Protein backbone atom coordinates (compact mmCIF):
# COMPACT_ATOMS: atom_id res chain seq x y z
CA UNK A 1 -0.17 0.05 -0.09
CA UNK A 2 1.29 3.39 -1.37
CA UNK A 3 2.12 5.99 1.27
CA UNK A 4 -0.40 8.34 0.02
CA UNK A 5 -3.12 5.71 0.74
CA UNK A 6 -1.98 4.83 3.93
CA UNK A 7 -2.04 8.68 4.91
CA UNK A 8 -5.82 9.14 3.21
CA UNK A 9 -6.72 5.92 5.40
CA UNK A 10 -5.15 7.28 8.59
CA UNK A 11 -7.20 10.79 7.65
CA UNK A 12 -10.51 8.48 7.62
CA UNK A 13 -9.66 7.04 10.67
CA UNK A 14 -9.21 10.43 12.30
CA UNK A 15 -12.74 11.42 10.63
CA UNK A 16 -14.91 8.14 12.12
CA UNK A 17 -12.75 8.89 15.90
CA UNK A 18 -14.03 12.28 15.89
CA UNK A 19 -17.67 10.94 14.67
CA UNK A 20 -17.76 8.33 17.67
CA UNK A 21 -17.14 11.16 19.96
CA UNK A 22 -19.63 13.19 18.57
CA UNK A 23 -22.15 10.52 18.76
CA UNK A 24 -21.41 10.20 22.19
CA UNK A 25 -22.11 13.68 22.91
CA UNK A 26 -25.24 13.36 20.74
CA UNK A 27 -26.54 10.22 23.03
CA UNK A 28 -26.64 13.02 26.02
CA UNK A 29 -29.03 15.15 23.82
CA UNK A 30 -31.31 12.63 22.81
CA UNK A 31 -32.14 12.00 26.42
CA UNK A 32 -32.65 15.48 26.75
CA UNK A 33 -35.03 14.91 23.76
CA UNK A 34 -36.41 12.01 25.13
CA UNK A 35 -37.19 13.95 28.55
CA UNK A 36 -38.85 16.77 26.71
CA UNK A 37 -41.02 14.57 24.72
CA UNK A 38 -41.89 12.34 27.77
CA UNK A 39 -45.77 13.88 27.07
CA UNK A 40 -46.11 12.65 23.70
CA UNK A 41 -48.92 10.14 23.22
CA UNK A 42 -48.09 6.97 21.21
CA UNK A 43 -49.79 7.98 18.37
CA UNK A 44 -47.70 11.00 17.87
CA UNK A 45 -44.85 8.94 18.26
CA UNK A 46 -46.41 6.26 15.69
CA UNK A 47 -46.49 9.86 13.64
CA UNK A 48 -42.85 10.67 14.23
CA UNK A 49 -42.00 7.27 13.42
CA UNK A 50 -43.40 7.54 10.13
CA UNK A 51 -41.60 10.33 9.15
CA UNK A 52 -38.11 9.53 10.21
CA UNK A 53 -37.80 7.75 6.91
CA UNK A 54 -38.69 10.21 4.71
CA UNK A 55 -35.73 11.50 2.27
CA UNK A 56 -34.75 15.05 2.28
CA UNK A 57 -32.19 17.18 0.39
CA UNK A 58 -29.28 18.56 2.16
CA UNK A 59 -27.14 21.02 0.60
CA UNK A 60 -23.88 23.27 1.37
CA UNK A 61 -24.01 26.93 0.81
CA UNK A 62 -20.57 28.34 0.60
CA UNK A 63 -22.35 31.85 0.19
CA UNK A 64 -24.68 34.32 -1.38
CA UNK A 65 -24.54 37.01 -3.59
CA UNK A 66 -27.56 38.87 -5.19
CA UNK A 67 -27.07 39.73 -8.84
CA UNK A 68 -29.69 41.48 -11.57
CA UNK A 69 -31.17 39.41 -14.53
CA UNK A 70 -28.83 41.96 -16.96
CA UNK A 71 -25.76 40.67 -15.05
CA UNK A 72 -26.95 36.91 -14.34
CA UNK A 73 -27.39 36.94 -18.50
CA UNK A 74 -23.90 38.29 -19.01
CA UNK A 75 -22.44 35.34 -16.93
CA UNK A 76 -20.24 32.77 -18.94
CA UNK A 77 -17.23 30.41 -18.46
CA UNK A 78 -14.49 32.22 -16.15
CA UNK A 79 -16.74 34.64 -15.39
CA UNK A 80 -16.64 35.51 -11.28
CA UNK A 81 -19.29 36.36 -9.00
CA UNK A 82 -18.26 37.87 -5.57
CA UNK A 83 -20.16 36.15 -2.59
CA UNK A 84 -21.40 37.18 0.62
CA UNK A 85 -18.67 35.24 2.84
CA UNK A 86 -15.05 35.92 3.38
CA UNK A 87 -12.48 33.03 2.80
CA UNK A 88 -11.74 30.29 5.40
CA UNK A 89 -15.78 31.05 6.91
CA UNK A 90 -17.75 28.03 7.45
CA UNK A 91 -20.32 26.62 5.23
CA UNK A 92 -23.81 26.39 5.93
CA UNK A 93 -25.26 22.93 6.03
CA UNK A 94 -29.15 23.23 5.06
CA UNK A 95 -31.91 20.17 4.73
CA UNK A 96 -34.45 21.25 2.58
CA UNK A 97 -33.70 24.98 3.12
CA UNK A 98 -33.28 24.79 6.87
CA UNK A 99 -29.79 25.45 8.34
CA UNK A 100 -28.95 22.67 10.83
CA UNK A 101 -25.35 23.09 10.98
CA UNK A 102 -22.27 24.88 9.80
CA UNK A 103 -19.26 22.92 8.52
CA UNK A 104 -15.67 22.86 6.65
CA UNK A 105 -14.87 21.90 3.13
CA UNK A 106 -12.57 18.50 3.87
CA UNK A 107 -10.91 16.54 0.52
CA UNK A 108 -10.03 12.93 0.89
CA UNK A 109 -8.80 10.78 -1.82
CA UNK A 110 -9.64 13.56 -4.36
CA UNK A 111 -13.41 13.54 -3.22
CA UNK A 112 -15.06 16.59 -1.45
CA UNK A 113 -16.53 16.12 2.01
CA UNK A 114 -18.09 18.39 4.91
CA UNK A 115 -16.43 18.15 8.44
CA UNK A 116 -19.55 19.52 10.61
CA UNK A 117 -18.33 22.05 13.21
CA UNK A 118 -21.09 23.19 14.70
CA UNK A 119 -24.44 21.37 14.76
CA UNK A 120 -27.61 23.15 15.91
CA UNK A 121 -28.74 20.84 18.62
CA UNK A 122 -31.81 17.92 17.72
CA UNK A 123 -33.77 19.88 20.52
CA UNK A 124 -33.66 23.09 18.95
CA UNK A 125 -34.02 21.35 15.15
CA UNK A 126 -37.65 20.12 16.53
CA UNK A 127 -38.69 23.09 18.38
CA UNK A 128 -38.23 25.13 14.51
CA UNK A 129 -40.69 22.39 13.03
CA UNK A 130 -43.49 23.20 15.66
């Protein structure tokens, strides 16, 4: 195995270790959520279970820009569009248009990924649904 492949595997191992730590912390949040949802009836829990397998669209937003239609139509290959964020600022992680986290771009084995740096708690996300 080449040194480059070993380095890539090491990076993935580190990422997986970070994820395991985050999942342990998430277990504490789940306990809080269960305490908050203790007054939910059985019928409501079944309804919640029914929606847990619905697919959603997840997207990462690097930044935004507002331009006129005239300028939009003038864009061509090589055009540069200035965004409202500075280099190095975190990305917004959106699910169906709702902000759920912030993250940073990582590259492993020539593929892009997102490392979540700040996740909105599950309790807060569920409160936003109501």
